[in-house]
Amino acid sequence: MNDENQSYESPTSCVWPLVTLLAALLIVNLVQLISIVKERQAVAQTTTSAAQAIGRYKTVSDKLENLAKDLMRLSLTNNEAKEIVTQFNIQMNQPGAPAAPVKK
């Protein structure tokens, strides 16, 4: 009868390894969650930055297009404007036509 009592382990001796394992898993998942939140914030910031850059590109592109149109109109009556248009090979594309390649 003494042998039976000695081989029996108390249930609390099995609890601590399980608690340790669960705590380790909790810490690993918490670190992963923090990493995911930081990545999401970085993606949101990059998206915002890209949207702002696209807005600035459109503004500059529109202003440059208007400037080129004005220069083309002015080149019909002004020799200096005509020289600039000729020197820099400024051309206006027809709407819907593919853009001409830029030569350097």
N, C-alpha and C. Protein backbone atom coordinates (compact mmCIF):
# COMPACT_ATOMS: atom_id res chain seq x y z
N MET A 1 0.80 -1.17 0.00
CA MET A 1 0.00 0.00 0.00
C MET A 1 0.86 1.26 0.00
N ASN A 2 1.97 1.18 0.58
CA ASN A 2 2.87 2.31 0.58
C ASN A 2 3.39 2.61 -0.81
N ASP A 3 3.55 1.58 -1.63
CA ASP A 3 4.03 1.79 -2.99
C ASP A 3 3.02 2.59 -3.81
N GLU A 4 1.76 2.32 -3.59
CA GLU A 4 0.73 3.04 -4.33
C GLU A 4 0.73 4.53 -3.97
N ASN A 5 0.89 4.85 -2.73
CA ASN A 5 0.88 6.24 -2.28
C ASN A 5 2.12 6.99 -2.76
N GLN A 6 3.22 6.33 -2.87
CA GLN A 6 4.43 7.00 -3.28
C GLN A 6 4.44 7.30 -4.78
N SER A 7 3.83 6.45 -5.60
CA SER A 7 3.83 6.67 -7.04
C SER A 7 2.79 7.71 -7.47
N TYR A 8 1.85 8.00 -6.61
CA TYR A 8 0.81 8.98 -6.94
C TYR A 8 1.35 10.39 -6.77
N GLU A 9 1.22 11.21 -7.86
CA GLU A 9 1.68 12.61 -7.79
C GLU A 9 0.47 13.51 -7.59
N SER A 10 0.69 14.58 -6.92
CA SER A 10 -0.41 15.51 -6.68
C SER A 10 -0.72 16.26 -7.98
N PRO A 11 -1.96 16.65 -8.20
CA PRO A 11 -2.34 17.34 -9.43
C PRO A 11 -1.65 18.70 -9.57
N THR A 12 -1.24 19.30 -8.50
CA THR A 12 -0.60 20.61 -8.59
C THR A 12 0.79 20.53 -9.20
N SER A 13 1.42 19.39 -9.18
CA SER A 13 2.76 19.27 -9.76
C SER A 13 2.71 19.34 -11.29
N CYS A 14 1.59 19.03 -11.90
CA CYS A 14 1.44 19.09 -13.37
C CYS A 14 0.96 20.47 -13.83
N VAL A 15 0.47 21.26 -12.94
CA VAL A 15 -0.09 22.55 -13.30
C VAL A 15 1.00 23.55 -13.68
N TRP A 16 2.11 23.59 -12.98
CA TRP A 16 3.13 24.60 -13.23
C TRP A 16 3.77 24.50 -14.61
N PRO A 17 4.09 23.32 -15.10
CA PRO A 17 4.61 23.28 -16.48
C PRO A 17 3.58 23.78 -17.50
N LEU A 18 2.32 23.47 -17.29
CA LEU A 18 1.27 23.94 -18.20
C LEU A 18 1.11 25.46 -18.11
N VAL A 19 1.16 26.00 -16.92
CA VAL A 19 1.06 27.44 -16.74
C VAL A 19 2.24 28.13 -17.42
N THR A 20 3.43 27.57 -17.26
CA THR A 20 4.62 28.14 -17.90
C THR A 20 4.48 28.10 -19.42
N LEU A 21 4.03 26.98 -19.95
CA LEU A 21 3.84 26.85 -21.40
C LEU A 21 2.80 27.85 -21.90
N LEU A 22 1.70 27.97 -21.23
CA LEU A 22 0.65 28.91 -21.64
C LEU A 22 1.14 30.35 -21.54
N ALA A 23 1.92 30.67 -20.51
CA ALA A 23 2.46 32.02 -20.38
C ALA A 23 3.42 32.32 -21.53
N ALA A 24 4.25 31.34 -21.90
CA ALA A 24 5.18 31.54 -23.02
C ALA A 24 4.41 31.76 -24.32
N LEU A 25 3.38 30.97 -24.55
CA LEU A 25 2.56 31.16 -25.75
C LEU A 25 1.86 32.52 -25.75
N LEU A 26 1.42 32.95 -24.60
CA LEU A 26 0.77 34.25 -24.49
C LEU A 26 1.75 35.37 -24.82
N ILE A 27 2.96 35.26 -24.34
CA ILE A 27 3.97 36.29 -24.61
C ILE A 27 4.31 36.31 -26.09
N VAL A 28 4.48 35.15 -26.71
CA VAL A 28 4.80 35.09 -28.14
C VAL A 28 3.67 35.72 -28.96
N ASN A 29 2.43 35.38 -28.63
CA ASN A 29 1.29 35.95 -29.37
C ASN A 29 1.15 37.45 -29.14
N LEU A 30 1.48 37.90 -27.94
CA LEU A 30 1.42 39.33 -27.66
C LEU A 30 2.47 40.08 -28.47
N VAL A 31 3.67 39.54 -28.59
CA VAL A 31 4.71 40.16 -29.39
C VAL A 31 4.30 40.20 -30.86
N GLN A 32 3.70 39.13 -31.36
CA GLN A 32 3.24 39.10 -32.75
C GLN A 32 2.13 40.13 -32.97
N LEU A 33 1.23 40.26 -32.02
CA LEU A 33 0.15 41.24 -32.14
C LEU A 33 0.70 42.66 -32.19
N ILE A 34 1.66 42.97 -31.35
CA ILE A 34 2.27 44.30 -31.36
C ILE A 34 2.96 44.55 -32.69
N SER A 35 3.63 43.54 -33.22
CA SER A 35 4.30 43.67 -34.52
C SER A 35 3.29 43.93 -35.63
N ILE A 36 2.18 43.25 -35.61
CA ILE A 36 1.14 43.43 -36.64
C ILE A 36 0.55 44.83 -36.55
N VAL A 37 0.32 45.32 -35.34
CA VAL A 37 -0.23 46.66 -35.17
C VAL A 37 0.74 47.71 -35.70
N LYS A 38 2.04 47.53 -35.42
CA LYS A 38 3.04 48.47 -35.93
C LYS A 38 3.11 48.43 -37.45
N GLU A 39 3.03 47.24 -38.04
CA GLU A 39 3.03 47.12 -39.50
C GLU A 39 1.82 47.81 -40.10
N ARG A 40 0.68 47.63 -39.49
CA ARG A 40 -0.55 48.26 -39.99
C ARG A 40 -0.43 49.78 -39.95
N GLN A 41 0.16 50.31 -38.89
CA GLN A 41 0.35 51.75 -38.80
C GLN A 41 1.32 52.24 -39.87
N ALA A 42 2.37 51.47 -40.13
CA ALA A 42 3.35 51.85 -41.16
C ALA A 42 2.70 51.83 -42.54
N VAL A 43 1.86 50.84 -42.80
CA VAL A 43 1.18 50.77 -44.10
C VAL A 43 0.21 51.94 -44.25
N ALA A 44 -0.50 52.27 -43.20
CA ALA A 44 -1.43 53.41 -43.27
C ALA A 44 -0.67 54.71 -43.51
N GLN A 45 0.46 54.88 -42.85
CA GLN A 45 1.26 56.09 -43.05
C GLN A 45 1.81 56.15 -44.47
N THR A 46 2.27 55.02 -44.99
CA THR A 46 2.79 54.97 -46.36
C THR A 46 1.68 55.27 -47.37
N THR A 47 0.51 54.74 -47.13
CA THR A 47 -0.63 54.99 -48.02
C THR A 47 -0.99 56.47 -48.03
N THR A 48 -1.01 57.08 -46.87
CA THR A 48 -1.30 58.51 -46.78
C THR A 48 -0.24 59.33 -47.50
N SER A 49 1.00 58.95 -47.29
CA SER A 49 2.11 59.65 -47.94
C SER A 49 2.03 59.51 -49.46
N ALA A 50 1.71 58.32 -49.92
CA ALA A 50 1.59 58.10 -51.37
C ALA A 50 0.43 58.90 -51.96
N ALA A 51 -0.67 58.96 -51.24
CA ALA A 51 -1.82 59.74 -51.73
C ALA A 51 -1.46 61.23 -51.84
N GLN A 52 -0.71 61.73 -50.87
CA GLN A 52 -0.29 63.12 -50.92
C GLN A 52 0.66 63.35 -52.09
N ALA A 53 1.57 62.40 -52.32
CA ALA A 53 2.52 62.53 -53.43
C ALA A 53 1.79 62.52 -54.77
N ILE A 54 0.77 61.68 -54.89
CA ILE A 54 -0.01 61.63 -56.13
C ILE A 54 -0.73 62.96 -56.35
N GLY A 55 -1.26 63.53 -55.28
CA GLY A 55 -1.92 64.84 -55.39
C GLY A 55 -0.95 65.92 -55.85
N ARG A 56 0.25 65.91 -55.27
CA ARG A 56 1.26 66.90 -55.70
C ARG A 56 1.67 66.66 -57.14
N TYR A 57 1.80 65.39 -57.55
CA TYR A 57 2.16 65.08 -58.94
C TYR A 57 1.10 65.62 -59.89
N LYS A 58 -0.16 65.40 -59.57
CA LYS A 58 -1.24 65.88 -60.44
C LYS A 58 -1.23 67.41 -60.55
N THR A 59 -0.98 68.08 -59.44
CA THR A 59 -0.93 69.54 -59.46
C THR A 59 0.20 70.04 -60.34
N VAL A 60 1.39 69.47 -60.15
CA VAL A 60 2.55 69.88 -60.95
C VAL A 60 2.33 69.54 -62.42
N SER A 61 1.77 68.37 -62.69
CA SER A 61 1.52 67.95 -64.06
C SER A 61 0.54 68.89 -64.76
N ASP A 62 -0.52 69.26 -64.05
CA ASP A 62 -1.50 70.19 -64.64
C ASP A 62 -0.88 71.56 -64.92
N LYS A 63 -0.08 72.04 -63.97
CA LYS A 63 0.56 73.34 -64.18
C LYS A 63 1.55 73.29 -65.34
N LEU A 64 2.30 72.21 -65.43
CA LEU A 64 3.27 72.08 -66.53
C LEU A 64 2.55 71.97 -67.87
N GLU A 65 1.44 71.25 -67.90
CA GLU A 65 0.68 71.14 -69.14
C GLU A 65 0.13 72.50 -69.57
N ASN A 66 -0.40 73.25 -68.62
CA ASN A 66 -0.92 74.58 -68.95
C ASN A 66 0.20 75.51 -69.43
N LEU A 67 1.35 75.41 -68.78
CA LEU A 67 2.50 76.21 -69.20
C LEU A 67 2.94 75.86 -70.63
N ALA A 68 2.97 74.57 -70.94
CA ALA A 68 3.35 74.14 -72.29
C ALA A 68 2.33 74.62 -73.32
N LYS A 69 1.06 74.55 -72.97
CA LYS A 69 0.02 75.03 -73.89
C LYS A 69 0.18 76.53 -74.15
N ASP A 70 0.42 77.27 -73.08
CA ASP A 70 0.61 78.72 -73.24
C ASP A 70 1.84 79.01 -74.11
N LEU A 71 2.91 78.27 -73.89
CA LEU A 71 4.12 78.46 -74.68
C LEU A 71 3.89 78.10 -76.14
N MET A 72 3.12 77.07 -76.40
CA MET A 72 2.81 76.68 -77.79
C MET A 72 1.98 77.78 -78.47
N ARG A 73 1.00 78.33 -77.75
CA ARG A 73 0.19 79.41 -78.31
C ARG A 73 1.05 80.65 -78.56
N LEU A 74 1.92 80.94 -77.63
CA LEU A 74 2.77 82.11 -77.75
C LEU A 74 3.79 81.95 -78.88
N SER A 75 4.19 80.71 -79.16
CA SER A 75 5.18 80.48 -80.22
C SER A 75 4.63 80.80 -81.60
N LEU A 76 3.32 80.91 -81.74
CA LEU A 76 2.72 81.28 -83.03
C LEU A 76 2.99 82.74 -83.36
N THR A 77 3.18 83.57 -82.34
CA THR A 77 3.38 85.00 -82.58
C THR A 77 4.71 85.54 -82.09
N ASN A 78 5.43 84.79 -81.28
CA ASN A 78 6.66 85.28 -80.68
C ASN A 78 7.83 84.40 -81.11
N ASN A 79 8.88 85.02 -81.63
CA ASN A 79 10.03 84.26 -82.12
C ASN A 79 10.83 83.60 -80.98
N GLU A 80 10.94 84.27 -79.84
CA GLU A 80 11.68 83.69 -78.72
C GLU A 80 10.98 82.43 -78.21
N ALA A 81 9.65 82.48 -78.11
CA ALA A 81 8.89 81.31 -77.68
C ALA A 81 9.02 80.19 -78.70
N LYS A 82 9.04 80.56 -79.99
CA LYS A 82 9.19 79.57 -81.04
C LYS A 82 10.56 78.89 -80.94
N GLU A 83 11.61 79.66 -80.61
CA GLU A 83 12.94 79.08 -80.44
C GLU A 83 12.97 78.10 -79.26
N ILE A 84 12.30 78.46 -78.18
CA ILE A 84 12.24 77.57 -77.01
C ILE A 84 11.53 76.27 -77.37
N VAL A 85 10.40 76.40 -78.07
CA VAL A 85 9.64 75.21 -78.47
C VAL A 85 10.49 74.33 -79.39
N THR A 86 11.20 74.94 -80.31
CA THR A 86 12.05 74.18 -81.23
C THR A 86 13.24 73.56 -80.51
N GLN A 87 13.89 74.34 -79.66
CA GLN A 87 15.09 73.87 -78.96
C GLN A 87 14.78 72.67 -78.05
N PHE A 88 13.68 72.74 -77.33
CA PHE A 88 13.34 71.67 -76.39
C PHE A 88 12.35 70.66 -76.97
N ASN A 89 12.04 70.79 -78.26
CA ASN A 89 11.16 69.86 -78.96
C ASN A 89 9.85 69.65 -78.21
N ILE A 90 9.19 70.74 -77.86
CA ILE A 90 7.93 70.68 -77.13
C ILE A 90 6.81 70.40 -78.12
N GLN A 91 6.03 69.37 -77.83
CA GLN A 91 4.93 68.98 -78.71
C GLN A 91 3.70 68.69 -77.86
N MET A 92 2.55 68.91 -78.44
CA MET A 92 1.30 68.59 -77.75
C MET A 92 0.72 67.33 -78.38
N ASN A 93 0.40 66.36 -77.57
CA ASN A 93 -0.22 65.14 -78.05
C ASN A 93 -1.71 65.34 -78.24
N GLN A 94 -2.27 64.62 -79.18
CA GLN A 94 -3.72 64.64 -79.37
C GLN A 94 -4.36 63.85 -78.23
N PRO A 95 -5.54 64.26 -77.77
CA PRO A 95 -6.19 63.51 -76.69
C PRO A 95 -6.41 62.06 -77.11
N GLY A 96 -6.06 61.15 -76.23
CA GLY A 96 -6.25 59.72 -76.51
C GLY A 96 -5.08 59.10 -77.25
N ALA A 97 -4.13 59.90 -77.72
CA ALA A 97 -2.96 59.37 -78.41
C ALA A 97 -1.90 59.00 -77.39
N PRO A 98 -1.11 57.97 -77.67
CA PRO A 98 -0.04 57.60 -76.74
C PRO A 98 1.02 58.68 -76.68
N ALA A 99 1.67 58.81 -75.55
CA ALA A 99 2.68 59.84 -75.35
C ALA A 99 3.93 59.52 -76.17
N ALA A 100 4.53 60.55 -76.71
CA ALA A 100 5.76 60.38 -77.50
C ALA A 100 6.92 60.10 -76.55
N PRO A 101 7.86 59.26 -76.94
CA PRO A 101 9.01 58.99 -76.06
C PRO A 101 9.89 60.23 -75.94
N VAL A 102 10.45 60.40 -74.77
CA VAL A 102 11.28 61.56 -74.49
C VAL A 102 12.71 61.23 -74.89
N LYS A 103 13.31 62.09 -75.70
CA LYS A 103 14.69 61.89 -76.13
C LYS A 103 15.59 62.82 -75.34
N LYS A 104 16.72 62.28 -74.92
CA LYS A 104 17.67 63.10 -74.14
C LYS A 104 18.86 63.45 -74.98
